[in-house]
Amino acid sequence: MAVYVDSEGIRWRGKEWCHLVADSIEELHLFAARLGLQRRWFQDKGRYPHYDVTMAVRDRALRMGAVEADRATLIACCKRVRADILRRSAQMALA
């Protein structure tokens, strides 16, 4: 299992931002908490579940063991996590 960050550098509100994702939703939330991110910052409304992080937080994530990833790696990871989220939601609905 791994946690990944890109170097997107999206400018918003006077800062540069990038994305934090992981191989599992549990791992993502755990790592985000270790970084000091609030759970409400989790971006789960779109197709790609992730946290937006500033470049400074990205650097800290890398020091804590996150892996720098390209866009294709991030998208593939997000698709797997989203499929897992949808599968769990369906199971809960049937329970």
PDB file of N, CA and C in Angstrom:
ATOM      1  N   MET A   1       0.851  -1.177   0.000  1.00  0.00           N
ATOM      2  CA  MET A   1       0.000   0.000   0.000  1.00  0.00           C
ATOM      3  C   MET A   1       0.897   1.241   0.000  1.00  0.00           C
ATOM      4  N   ALA A   2       0.411   2.273  -0.653  1.00  0.00           N
ATOM      5  CA  ALA A   2       1.200   3.499  -0.736  1.00  0.00           C
ATOM      6  C   ALA A   2       0.293   4.720  -0.763  1.00  0.00           C
ATOM      7  N   VAL A   3       0.898   5.837  -0.417  1.00  0.00           N
ATOM      8  CA  VAL A   3       0.255   7.150  -0.514  1.00  0.00           C
ATOM      9  C   VAL A   3       1.024   7.914  -1.580  1.00  0.00           C
ATOM     10  N   TYR A   4       0.299   8.646  -2.413  1.00  0.00           N
ATOM     11  CA  TYR A   4       0.915   9.340  -3.542  1.00  0.00           C
ATOM     12  C   TYR A   4       0.578  10.824  -3.528  1.00  0.00           C
ATOM     13  N   VAL A   5       1.498  11.633  -4.040  1.00  0.00           N
ATOM     14  CA  VAL A   5       1.237  13.055  -4.283  1.00  0.00           C
ATOM     15  C   VAL A   5       1.732  13.394  -5.683  1.00  0.00           C
ATOM     16  N   ASP A   6       1.028  14.309  -6.322  1.00  0.00           N
ATOM     17  CA  ASP A   6       1.501  14.789  -7.615  1.00  0.00           C
ATOM     18  C   ASP A   6       2.172  16.142  -7.416  1.00  0.00           C
ATOM     19  N   SER A   7       2.545  16.765  -8.503  1.00  0.00           N
ATOM     20  CA  SER A   7       3.159  18.098  -8.437  1.00  0.00           C
ATOM     21  C   SER A   7       2.386  19.047  -9.341  1.00  0.00           C
ATOM     22  N   GLU A   8       1.076  18.899  -9.342  1.00  0.00           N
ATOM     23  CA  GLU A   8       0.193  19.637 -10.251  1.00  0.00           C
ATOM     24  C   GLU A   8       0.409  21.151 -10.194  1.00  0.00           C
ATOM     25  N   GLY A   9       0.560  21.705  -9.013  1.00  0.00           N
ATOM     26  CA  GLY A   9       0.809  23.139  -8.886  1.00  0.00           C
ATOM     27  C   GLY A   9      -0.347  24.013  -9.337  1.00  0.00           C
ATOM     28  N   ILE A  10      -1.565  23.634  -8.973  1.00  0.00           N
ATOM     29  CA  ILE A  10      -2.758  24.405  -9.336  1.00  0.00           C
ATOM     30  C   ILE A  10      -2.813  25.664  -8.474  1.00  0.00           C
ATOM     31  N   ARG A  11      -2.916  26.815  -9.101  1.00  0.00           N
ATOM     32  CA  ARG A  11      -2.979  28.075  -8.354  1.00  0.00           C
ATOM     33  C   ARG A  11      -4.413  28.343  -7.924  1.00  0.00           C
ATOM     34  N   TRP A  12      -4.587  28.558  -6.599  1.00  0.00           N
ATOM     35  CA  TRP A  12      -5.911  28.861  -6.051  1.00  0.00           C
ATOM     36  C   TRP A  12      -5.725  29.548  -4.715  1.00  0.00           C
ATOM     37  N   ARG A  13      -6.422  30.640  -4.545  1.00  0.00           N
ATOM     38  CA  ARG A  13      -6.364  31.421  -3.305  1.00  0.00           C
ATOM     39  C   ARG A  13      -4.937  31.789  -2.899  1.00  0.00           C
ATOM     40  N   GLY A  14      -4.160  32.144  -3.884  1.00  0.00           N
ATOM     41  CA  GLY A  14      -2.811  32.628  -3.629  1.00  0.00           C
ATOM     42  C   GLY A  14      -1.784  31.561  -3.298  1.00  0.00           C
ATOM     43  N   LYS A  15      -2.141  30.293  -3.460  1.00  0.00           N
ATOM     44  CA  LYS A  15      -1.209  29.201  -3.172  1.00  0.00           C
ATOM     45  C   LYS A  15      -1.204  28.215  -4.332  1.00  0.00           C
ATOM     46  N   GLU A  16      -0.200  27.351  -4.320  1.00  0.00           N
ATOM     47  CA  GLU A  16      -0.148  26.259  -5.289  1.00  0.00           C
ATOM     48  C   GLU A  16      -0.591  24.983  -4.589  1.00  0.00           C
ATOM     49  N   TRP A  17      -1.430  24.221  -5.276  1.00  0.00           N
ATOM     50  CA  TRP A  17      -2.024  23.021  -4.696  1.00  0.00           C
ATOM     51  C   TRP A  17      -1.738  21.801  -5.557  1.00  0.00           C
ATOM     52  N   CYS A  18      -1.768  20.641  -4.924  1.00  0.00           N
ATOM     53  CA  CYS A  18      -1.647  19.375  -5.631  1.00  0.00           C
ATOM     54  C   CYS A  18      -2.560  18.356  -4.953  1.00  0.00           C
ATOM     55  N   HIS A  19      -2.432  17.083  -5.307  1.00  0.00           N
ATOM     56  CA  HIS A  19      -3.370  16.059  -4.855  1.00  0.00           C
ATOM     57  C   HIS A  19      -2.672  14.977  -4.035  1.00  0.00           C
ATOM     58  N   LEU A  20      -3.363  14.515  -3.002  1.00  0.00           N
ATOM     59  CA  LEU A  20      -2.900  13.416  -2.159  1.00  0.00           C
ATOM     60  C   LEU A  20      -3.899  12.275  -2.309  1.00  0.00           C
ATOM     61  N   VAL A  21      -3.416  11.103  -2.706  1.00  0.00           N
ATOM     62  CA  VAL A  21      -4.266   9.918  -2.873  1.00  0.00           C
ATOM     63  C   VAL A  21      -3.538   8.722  -2.256  1.00  0.00           C
ATOM     64  N   ALA A  22      -4.234   7.591  -2.153  1.00  0.00           N
ATOM     65  CA  ALA A  22      -3.613   6.378  -1.612  1.00  0.00           C
ATOM     66  C   ALA A  22      -4.246   5.151  -2.243  1.00  0.00           C
ATOM     67  N   ASP A  23      -3.623   4.006  -1.993  1.00  0.00           N
ATOM     68  CA  ASP A  23      -4.129   2.747  -2.529  1.00  0.00           C
ATOM     69  C   ASP A  23      -5.423   2.300  -1.864  1.00  0.00           C
ATOM     70  N   SER A  24      -5.693   2.814  -0.669  1.00  0.00           N
ATOM     71  CA  SER A  24      -6.958   2.486  -0.001  1.00  0.00           C
ATOM     72  C   SER A  24      -7.484   3.736   0.695  1.00  0.00           C
ATOM     73  N   ILE A  25      -8.784   3.770   0.878  1.00  0.00           N
ATOM     74  CA  ILE A  25      -9.407   4.926   1.514  1.00  0.00           C
ATOM     75  C   ILE A  25      -8.969   5.041   2.973  1.00  0.00           C
ATOM     76  N   GLU A  26      -8.815   3.895   3.635  1.00  0.00           N
ATOM     77  CA  GLU A  26      -8.379   3.906   5.035  1.00  0.00           C
ATOM     78  C   GLU A  26      -6.977   4.490   5.156  1.00  0.00           C
ATOM     79  N   GLU A  27      -6.101   4.036   4.279  1.00  0.00           N
ATOM     80  CA  GLU A  27      -4.728   4.530   4.291  1.00  0.00           C
ATOM     81  C   GLU A  27      -4.684   6.029   3.984  1.00  0.00           C
ATOM     82  N   LEU A  28      -5.507   6.471   3.063  1.00  0.00           N
ATOM     83  CA  LEU A  28      -5.555   7.889   2.713  1.00  0.00           C
ATOM     84  C   LEU A  28      -5.971   8.732   3.910  1.00  0.00           C
ATOM     85  N   HIS A  29      -7.057   8.342   4.577  1.00  0.00           N
ATOM     86  CA  HIS A  29      -7.529   9.117   5.725  1.00  0.00           C
ATOM     87  C   HIS A  29      -6.531   9.081   6.884  1.00  0.00           C
ATOM     88  N   LEU A  30      -5.909   7.944   7.118  1.00  0.00           N
ATOM     89  CA  LEU A  30      -4.922   7.828   8.192  1.00  0.00           C
ATOM     90  C   LEU A  30      -3.728   8.736   7.923  1.00  0.00           C
ATOM     91  N   PHE A  31      -3.213   8.694   6.703  1.00  0.00           N
ATOM     92  CA  PHE A  31      -2.064   9.524   6.346  1.00  0.00           C
ATOM     93  C   PHE A  31      -2.435  11.003   6.407  1.00  0.00           C
ATOM     94  N   ALA A  32      -3.616  11.337   5.906  1.00  0.00           N
ATOM     95  CA  ALA A  32      -4.081  12.731   5.943  1.00  0.00           C
ATOM     96  C   ALA A  32      -4.167  13.227   7.383  1.00  0.00           C
ATOM     97  N   ALA A  33      -4.659  12.390   8.283  1.00  0.00           N
ATOM     98  CA  ALA A  33      -4.744  12.774   9.698  1.00  0.00           C
ATOM     99  C   ALA A  33      -3.349  13.007  10.268  1.00  0.00           C
ATOM    100  N   ARG A  34      -2.399  12.159   9.903  1.00  0.00           N
ATOM    101  CA  ARG A  34      -1.015  12.345  10.363  1.00  0.00           C
ATOM    102  C   ARG A  34      -0.431  13.659   9.846  1.00  0.00           C
ATOM    103  N   LEU A  35      -0.892  14.095   8.680  1.00  0.00           N
ATOM    104  CA  LEU A  35      -0.450  15.378   8.117  1.00  0.00           C
ATOM    105  C   LEU A  35      -1.157  16.570   8.766  1.00  0.00           C
ATOM    106  N   GLY A  36      -2.214  16.285   9.534  1.00  0.00           N
ATOM    107  CA  GLY A  36      -2.983  17.358  10.160  1.00  0.00           C
ATOM    108  C   GLY A  36      -4.141  17.855   9.317  1.00  0.00           C
ATOM    109  N   LEU A  37      -4.513  17.086   8.284  1.00  0.00           N
ATOM    110  CA  LEU A  37      -5.633  17.484   7.430  1.00  0.00           C
ATOM    111  C   LEU A  37      -6.949  17.104   8.098  1.00  0.00           C
ATOM    112  N   GLN A  38      -7.944  17.929   7.906  1.00  0.00           N
ATOM    113  CA  GLN A  38      -9.263  17.644   8.456  1.00  0.00           C
ATOM    114  C   GLN A  38     -10.033  16.746   7.497  1.00  0.00           C
ATOM    115  N   ARG A  39     -10.782  15.822   8.064  1.00  0.00           N
ATOM    116  CA  ARG A  39     -11.540  14.862   7.244  1.00  0.00           C
ATOM    117  C   ARG A  39     -12.516  15.584   6.310  1.00  0.00           C
ATOM    118  N   ARG A  40     -13.052  16.716   6.746  1.00  0.00           N
ATOM    119  CA  ARG A  40     -14.025  17.441   5.914  1.00  0.00           C
ATOM    120  C   ARG A  40     -13.391  18.019   4.649  1.00  0.00           C
ATOM    121  N   TRP A  41     -12.071  18.025   4.580  1.00  0.00           N
ATOM    122  CA  TRP A  41     -11.381  18.506   3.387  1.00  0.00           C
ATOM    123  C   TRP A  41     -11.278  17.428   2.303  1.00  0.00           C
ATOM    124  N   PHE A  42     -11.674  16.217   2.633  1.00  0.00           N
ATOM    125  CA  PHE A  42     -11.624  15.112   1.674  1.00  0.00           C
ATOM    126  C   PHE A  42     -12.543  15.420   0.499  1.00  0.00           C
ATOM    127  N   GLN A  43     -12.026  15.271  -0.710  1.00  0.00           N
ATOM    128  CA  GLN A  43     -12.767  15.557  -1.936  1.00  0.00           C
ATOM    129  C   GLN A  43     -13.343  14.247  -2.474  1.00  0.00           C
ATOM    130  N   ASP A  44     -14.624  14.008  -2.204  1.00  0.00           N
ATOM    131  CA  ASP A  44     -15.219  12.749  -2.649  1.00  0.00           C
ATOM    132  C   ASP A  44     -16.429  12.941  -3.556  1.00  0.00           C
ATOM    133  N   LYS A  45     -16.709  14.166  -3.942  1.00  0.00           N
ATOM    134  CA  LYS A  45     -17.888  14.424  -4.774  1.00  0.00           C
ATOM    135  C   LYS A  45     -17.620  14.191  -6.259  1.00  0.00           C
ATOM    136  N   GLY A  46     -16.390  14.292  -6.675  1.00  0.00           N
ATOM    137  CA  GLY A  46     -16.045  14.090  -8.078  1.00  0.00           C
ATOM    138  C   GLY A  46     -15.693  12.643  -8.360  1.00  0.00           C
ATOM    139  N   ARG A  47     -15.069  12.429  -9.475  1.00  0.00           N
ATOM    140  CA  ARG A  47     -14.700  11.068  -9.867  1.00  0.00           C
ATOM    141  C   ARG A  47     -13.471  10.553  -9.140  1.00  0.00           C
ATOM    142  N   TYR A  48     -12.636  11.455  -8.642  1.00  0.00           N
ATOM    143  CA  TYR A  48     -11.365  11.048  -8.073  1.00  0.00           C
ATOM    144  C   TYR A  48     -11.253  11.452  -6.609  1.00  0.00           C
ATOM    145  N   PRO A  49     -11.426  10.502  -5.689  1.00  0.00           N
ATOM    146  CA  PRO A  49     -11.338  10.809  -4.260  1.00  0.00           C
ATOM    147  C   PRO A  49      -9.905  11.185  -3.875  1.00  0.00           C
ATOM    148  N   HIS A  50      -9.747  12.343  -3.245  1.00  0.00           N
ATOM    149  CA  HIS A  50      -8.416  12.837  -2.907  1.00  0.00           C
ATOM    150  C   HIS A  50      -8.512  13.955  -1.876  1.00  0.00           C
ATOM    151  N   TYR A  51      -7.369  14.359  -1.373  1.00  0.00           N
ATOM    152  CA  TYR A  51      -7.239  15.579  -0.594  1.00  0.00           C
ATOM    153  C   TYR A  51      -6.445  16.561  -1.439  1.00  0.00           C
ATOM    154  N   ASP A  52      -6.850  17.821  -1.430  1.00  0.00           N
ATOM    155  CA  ASP A  52      -6.041  18.876  -2.026  1.00  0.00           C
ATOM    156  C   ASP A  52      -5.070  19.337  -0.952  1.00  0.00           C
ATOM    157  N   VAL A  53      -3.796  19.453  -1.306  1.00  0.00           N
ATOM    158  CA  VAL A  53      -2.788  19.898  -0.344  1.00  0.00           C
ATOM    159  C   VAL A  53      -1.903  20.959  -0.986  1.00  0.00           C
ATOM    160  N   THR A  54      -1.414  21.858  -0.157  1.00  0.00           N
ATOM    161  CA  THR A  54      -0.488  22.874  -0.646  1.00  0.00           C
ATOM    162  C   THR A  54       0.861  22.217  -0.932  1.00  0.00           C
ATOM    163  N   MET A  55       1.704  22.928  -1.628  1.00  0.00           N
ATOM    164  CA  MET A  55       3.026  22.397  -1.946  1.00  0.00           C
ATOM    165  C   MET A  55       3.838  22.165  -0.672  1.00  0.00           C
ATOM    166  N   ALA A  56       3.646  23.000   0.344  1.00  0.00           N
ATOM    167  CA  ALA A  56       4.354  22.802   1.616  1.00  0.00           C
ATOM    168  C   ALA A  56       3.911  21.497   2.276  1.00  0.00           C
ATOM    169  N   VAL A  57       2.610  21.214   2.254  1.00  0.00           N
ATOM    170  CA  VAL A  57       2.102  19.956   2.817  1.00  0.00           C
ATOM    171  C   VAL A  57       2.586  18.785   1.965  1.00  0.00           C
ATOM    172  N   ARG A  58       2.641  18.982   0.662  1.00  0.00           N
ATOM    173  CA  ARG A  58       3.169  17.948  -0.239  1.00  0.00           C
ATOM    174  C   ARG A  58       4.590  17.577   0.154  1.00  0.00           C
ATOM    175  N   ASP A  59       5.423  18.583   0.390  1.00  0.00           N
ATOM    176  CA  ASP A  59       6.810  18.329   0.778  1.00  0.00           C
ATOM    177  C   ASP A  59       6.873  17.536   2.081  1.00  0.00           C
ATOM    178  N   ARG A  60       6.014  17.896   3.037  1.00  0.00           N
ATOM    179  CA  ARG A  60       5.958  17.177   4.311  1.00  0.00           C
ATOM    180  C   ARG A  60       5.499  15.729   4.082  1.00  0.00           C
ATOM    181  N   ALA A  61       4.508  15.548   3.206  1.00  0.00           N
ATOM    182  CA  ALA A  61       4.021  14.202   2.893  1.00  0.00           C
ATOM    183  C   ALA A  61       5.144  13.345   2.300  1.00  0.00           C
ATOM    184  N   LEU A  62       5.927  13.919   1.419  1.00  0.00           N
ATOM    185  CA  LEU A  62       7.048  13.183   0.832  1.00  0.00           C
ATOM    186  C   LEU A  62       8.052  12.781   1.906  1.00  0.00           C
ATOM    187  N   ARG A  63       8.339  13.678   2.835  1.00  0.00           N
ATOM    188  CA  ARG A  63       9.258  13.357   3.931  1.00  0.00           C
ATOM    189  C   ARG A  63       8.696  12.253   4.825  1.00  0.00           C
ATOM    190  N   MET A  64       7.369  12.155   4.888  1.00  0.00           N
ATOM    191  CA  MET A  64       6.713  11.143   5.726  1.00  0.00           C
ATOM    192  C   MET A  64       6.518   9.816   4.985  1.00  0.00           C
ATOM    193  N   GLY A  65       6.948   9.739   3.735  1.00  0.00           N
ATOM    194  CA  GLY A  65       6.893   8.472   3.019  1.00  0.00           C
ATOM    195  C   GLY A  65       5.981   8.409   1.812  1.00  0.00           C
ATOM    196  N   ALA A  66       5.272   9.482   1.505  1.00  0.00           N
ATOM    197  CA  ALA A  66       4.442   9.491   0.294  1.00  0.00           C
ATOM    198  C   ALA A  66       5.354   9.383  -0.929  1.00  0.00           C
ATOM    199  N   VAL A  67       4.797   8.882  -2.001  1.00  0.00           N
ATOM    200  CA  VAL A  67       5.539   8.676  -3.239  1.00  0.00           C
ATOM    201  C   VAL A  67       5.102   9.715  -4.263  1.00  0.00           C
ATOM    202  N   GLU A  68       6.084  10.347  -4.915  1.00  0.00           N
ATOM    203  CA  GLU A  68       5.744  11.289  -5.984  1.00  0.00           C
ATOM    204  C   GLU A  68       5.222  10.495  -7.178  1.00  0.00           C
ATOM    205  N   ALA A  69       4.082  10.929  -7.710  1.00  0.00           N
ATOM    206  CA  ALA A  69       3.444  10.162  -8.782  1.00  0.00           C
ATOM    207  C   ALA A  69       3.050  11.060  -9.944  1.00  0.00           C
ATOM    208  N   ASP A  70       3.044  10.467 -11.126  1.00  0.00           N
ATOM    209  CA  ASP A  70       2.584  11.196 -12.302  1.00  0.00           C
ATOM    210  C   ASP A  70       1.058  11.114 -12.387  1.00  0.00           C
ATOM    211  N   ARG A  71       0.514  11.832 -13.329  1.00  0.00           N
ATOM    212  CA  ARG A  71      -0.948  11.924 -13.474  1.00  0.00           C
ATOM    213  C   ARG A  71      -1.600  10.555 -13.710  1.00  0.00           C
ATOM    214  N   ALA A  72      -0.989   9.738 -14.553  1.00  0.00           N
ATOM    215  CA  ALA A  72      -1.557   8.421 -14.859  1.00  0.00           C
ATOM    216  C   ALA A  72      -1.628   7.545 -13.609  1.00  0.00           C
ATOM    217  N   THR A  73      -0.594   7.587 -12.791  1.00  0.00           N
ATOM    218  CA  THR A  73      -0.580   6.804 -11.551  1.00  0.00           C
ATOM    219  C   THR A  73      -1.668   7.283 -10.607  1.00  0.00           C
ATOM    220  N   LEU A  74      -1.798   8.605 -10.466  1.00  0.00           N
ATOM    221  CA  LEU A  74      -2.832   9.154  -9.585  1.00  0.00           C
ATOM    222  C   LEU A  74      -4.228   8.774 -10.053  1.00  0.00           C
ATOM    223  N   ILE A  75      -4.488   8.891 -11.328  1.00  0.00           N
ATOM    224  CA  ILE A  75      -5.820   8.570 -11.854  1.00  0.00           C
ATOM    225  C   ILE A  75      -6.135   7.092 -11.659  1.00  0.00           C
ATOM    226  N   ALA A  76      -5.180   6.218 -11.929  1.00  0.00           N
ATOM    227  CA  ALA A  76      -5.400   4.782 -11.743  1.00  0.00           C
ATOM    228  C   ALA A  76      -5.688   4.466 -10.280  1.00  0.00           C
ATOM    229  N   CYS A  77      -4.941   5.078  -9.391  1.00  0.00           N
ATOM    230  CA  CYS A  77      -5.149   4.875  -7.957  1.00  0.00           C
ATOM    231  C   CYS A  77      -6.538   5.360  -7.545  1.00  0.00           C
ATOM    232  N   CYS A  78      -6.913   6.534  -7.981  1.00  0.00           N
ATOM    233  CA  CYS A  78      -8.216   7.107  -7.631  1.00  0.00           C
ATOM    234  C   CYS A  78      -9.363   6.253  -8.158  1.00  0.00           C
ATOM    235  N   LYS A  79      -9.202   5.696  -9.342  1.00  0.00           N
ATOM    236  CA  LYS A  79     -10.250   4.834  -9.899  1.00  0.00           C
ATOM    237  C   LYS A  79     -10.447   3.589  -9.042  1.00  0.00           C
ATOM    238  N   ARG A  80      -9.348   3.004  -8.564  1.00  0.00           N
ATOM    239  CA  ARG A  80      -9.454   1.822  -7.699  1.00  0.00           C
ATOM    240  C   ARG A  80     -10.149   2.178  -6.384  1.00  0.00           C
ATOM    241  N   VAL A  81      -9.765   3.302  -5.795  1.00  0.00           N
ATOM    242  CA  VAL A  81     -10.363   3.715  -4.523  1.00  0.00           C
ATOM    243  C   VAL A  81     -11.839   4.037  -4.713  1.00  0.00           C
ATOM    244  N   ARG A  82     -12.167   4.727  -5.784  1.00  0.00           N
ATOM    245  CA  ARG A  82     -13.577   5.049  -6.041  1.00  0.00           C
ATOM    246  C   ARG A  82     -14.402   3.780  -6.221  1.00  0.00           C
ATOM    247  N   ALA A  83     -13.874   2.814  -6.940  1.00  0.00           N
ATOM    248  CA  ALA A  83     -14.583   1.545  -7.123  1.00  0.00           C
ATOM    249  C   ALA A  83     -14.806   0.864  -5.775  1.00  0.00           C
ATOM    250  N   ASP A  84     -13.811   0.931  -4.905  1.00  0.00           N
ATOM    251  CA  ASP A  84     -13.941   0.346  -3.570  1.00  0.00           C
ATOM    252  C   ASP A  84     -15.015   1.073  -2.757  1.00  0.00           C
ATOM    253  N   ILE A  85     -15.033   2.399  -2.836  1.00  0.00           N
ATOM    254  CA  ILE A  85     -16.048   3.193  -2.122  1.00  0.00           C
ATOM    255  C   ILE A  85     -17.445   2.819  -2.620  1.00  0.00           C
ATOM    256  N   LEU A  86     -17.618   2.738  -3.930  1.00  0.00           N
ATOM    257  CA  LEU A  86     -18.923   2.391  -4.500  1.00  0.00           C
ATOM    258  C   LEU A  86     -19.346   0.977  -4.116  1.00  0.00           C
ATOM    259  N   ARG A  87     -18.398   0.051  -4.108  1.00  0.00           N
ATOM    260  CA  ARG A  87     -18.687  -1.332  -3.732  1.00  0.00           C
ATOM    261  C   ARG A  87     -19.152  -1.399  -2.273  1.00  0.00           C
ATOM    262  N   ARG A  88     -18.457  -0.677  -1.404  1.00  0.00           N
ATOM    263  CA  ARG A  88     -18.834  -0.661   0.018  1.00  0.00           C
ATOM    264  C   ARG A  88     -20.204  -0.018   0.221  1.00  0.00           C
ATOM    265  N   SER A  89     -20.470   1.045  -0.509  1.00  0.00           N
ATOM    266  CA  SER A  89     -21.776   1.716  -0.405  1.00  0.00           C
ATOM    267  C   SER A  89     -22.895   0.772  -0.820  1.00  0.00           C
ATOM    268  N   ALA A  90     -22.670   0.024  -1.890  1.00  0.00           N
ATOM    269  CA  ALA A  90     -23.678  -0.929  -2.365  1.00  0.00           C
ATOM    270  C   ALA A  90     -23.903  -2.028  -1.339  1.00  0.00           C
ATOM    271  N   GLN A  91     -22.832  -2.507  -0.721  1.00  0.00           N
ATOM    272  CA  GLN A  91     -22.958  -3.546   0.305  1.00  0.00           C
ATOM    273  C   GLN A  91     -23.735  -3.033   1.510  1.00  0.00           C
ATOM    274  N   MET A  92     -23.477  -1.792   1.899  1.00  0.00           N
ATOM    275  CA  MET A  92     -24.188  -1.209   3.043  1.00  0.00           C
ATOM    276  C   MET A  92     -25.666  -1.029   2.724  1.00  0.00           C
ATOM    277  N   ALA A  93     -25.974  -0.688   1.494  1.00  0.00           N
ATOM    278  CA  ALA A  93     -27.368  -0.489   1.092  1.00  0.00           C
ATOM    279  C   ALA A  93     -28.138  -1.808   1.124  1.00  0.00           C
ATOM    280  N   LEU A  94     -27.439  -2.900   0.854  1.00  0.00           N
ATOM    281  CA  LEU A  94     -28.077  -4.216   0.854  1.00  0.00           C
ATOM    282  C   LEU A  94     -28.202  -4.807   2.257  1.00  0.00           C
ATOM    283  N   ALA A  95     -27.416  -4.303   3.175  1.00  0.00           N
ATOM    284  CA  ALA A  95     -27.423  -4.858   4.548  1.00  0.00           C
ATOM    285  C   ALA A  95     -28.629  -4.432   5.348  1.00  0.00           C
TER     286      ALA A  95
END
